[in-house]
Amino acid sequence: MGFNPRYRMWTRENWMGHAPTIYDMSRRGWSLTLHCNRCRFATNADVDKIIRLKGRSYSPWGRSAKCPALHCGGRMRLRAYAPGPNETIDI
């Protein structure tokens, strides 16, 4: 698909409609990373593992998880990279 300037104008709701579930994100080739809002710890997310554990219809939009870093207490949020439109999206 390559770079298309119209994606720069998309809102979070547009992206949610484009890939509403974890399976849709996987099917579109999105890569996901987890980022802590407190200690800034970041790691790659295993999309296939999430699908196995939560199911194909699981929607990560607006969700967070406890940070695994010792003594942190922050929350991990997903950030997606969509290779087709070449955009990074905060989930």
Protein backbone atom coordinates (compact mmCIF):
# COMPACT_ATOMS: atom_id res chain seq x y z
CA MET A 1 0.00 0.00 0.00
CA GLY A 2 2.82 2.44 0.82
CA PHE A 3 2.60 5.93 2.21
CA ASN A 4 -0.77 7.64 1.86
CA PRO A 5 -1.18 11.09 3.44
CA ARG A 6 -4.85 10.51 4.27
CA TYR A 7 -3.86 8.22 7.17
CA ARG A 8 -2.20 11.17 8.94
CA MET A 9 -5.68 12.68 9.30
CA TRP A 10 -7.27 9.55 10.82
CA THR A 11 -8.51 9.69 14.39
CA ARG A 12 -8.27 6.91 16.94
CA GLU A 13 -11.87 5.96 16.08
CA ASN A 14 -10.91 5.56 12.41
CA TRP A 15 -8.11 3.16 13.37
CA MET A 16 -10.46 1.25 15.70
CA GLY A 17 -12.83 0.74 12.77
CA HIS A 18 -9.96 -0.33 10.49
CA ALA A 19 -8.70 -3.04 12.90
CA PRO A 20 -11.16 -3.51 15.77
CA THR A 21 -9.80 -6.85 17.06
CA ILE A 22 -6.41 -8.36 17.75
CA TYR A 23 -7.01 -10.80 14.89
CA ASP A 24 -7.63 -7.93 12.44
CA MET A 25 -4.38 -6.32 13.58
CA SER A 26 -2.52 -9.58 13.02
CA ARG A 27 -4.13 -10.15 9.64
CA ARG A 28 -3.09 -6.67 8.51
CA GLY A 29 0.50 -7.31 9.63
CA TRP A 30 0.56 -4.83 12.50
CA SER A 31 3.37 -5.19 15.05
CA LEU A 32 2.56 -4.35 18.66
CA THR A 33 4.76 -3.06 21.46
CA LEU A 34 3.96 -2.51 25.13
CA HIS A 35 5.08 0.72 26.83
CA CYS A 36 4.95 1.58 30.54
CA ASN A 37 3.69 5.06 31.34
CA ARG A 38 5.78 5.26 34.52
CA CYS A 39 9.19 3.57 34.13
CA ARG A 40 9.25 3.74 30.30
CA PHE A 41 9.87 -0.02 30.02
CA ALA A 42 9.05 -1.24 26.50
CA THR A 43 8.80 -4.70 24.98
CA ASN A 44 7.37 -6.43 21.92
CA ALA A 45 3.95 -8.03 22.24
CA ASP A 46 3.40 -11.56 20.94
CA VAL A 47 0.21 -11.14 18.89
CA ASP A 48 -0.20 -14.89 18.28
CA LYS A 49 0.03 -15.57 22.02
CA ILE A 50 -2.59 -12.89 22.75
CA ILE A 51 -4.90 -14.49 20.17
CA ARG A 52 -4.38 -17.93 21.77
CA LEU A 53 -5.08 -16.60 25.28
CA LYS A 54 -7.85 -14.08 24.62
CA GLY A 55 -9.40 -15.27 21.35
CA ARG A 56 -9.69 -13.77 17.89
CA SER A 57 -12.43 -11.34 18.86
CA TYR A 58 -10.45 -9.71 21.72
CA SER A 59 -10.15 -5.95 21.35
CA PRO A 60 -7.11 -4.32 23.03
CA TRP A 61 -8.35 -0.77 22.34
CA GLY A 62 -8.38 1.26 25.55
CA ARG A 63 -6.97 -1.53 27.71
CA SER A 64 -3.85 -1.61 29.85
CA ALA A 65 -1.96 -4.13 31.99
CA LYS A 66 0.24 -3.97 35.06
CA CYS A 67 3.91 -3.28 34.31
CA PRO A 68 6.11 -6.35 34.94
CA ALA A 69 9.13 -4.29 36.08
CA LEU A 70 10.07 -4.64 39.74
CA HIS A 71 8.73 -1.91 42.04
CA CYS A 72 7.11 0.00 39.17
CA GLY A 73 3.34 -0.03 39.61
CA GLY A 74 2.79 1.63 36.22
CA ARG A 75 0.46 0.53 33.45
CA MET A 76 1.50 -0.95 30.10
CA ARG A 77 -0.26 0.42 27.00
CA LEU A 78 -0.14 -0.99 23.49
CA ARG A 79 1.32 0.89 20.56
CA ALA A 80 0.80 -0.53 17.08
CA TYR A 81 2.77 -0.06 13.90
CA ALA A 82 0.71 -0.46 10.73
CA PRO A 83 3.18 -1.21 7.89
CA GLY A 84 0.79 -0.58 4.99
CA PRO A 85 -0.05 3.01 5.88
CA ASN A 86 3.35 3.40 7.65
CA GLU A 87 1.73 4.79 10.82
CA THR A 88 2.18 4.27 14.56
CA ILE A 89 -1.04 4.19 16.57
CA ASP A 90 -1.50 4.41 20.36
CA ILE A 91 -4.09 1.80 21.24
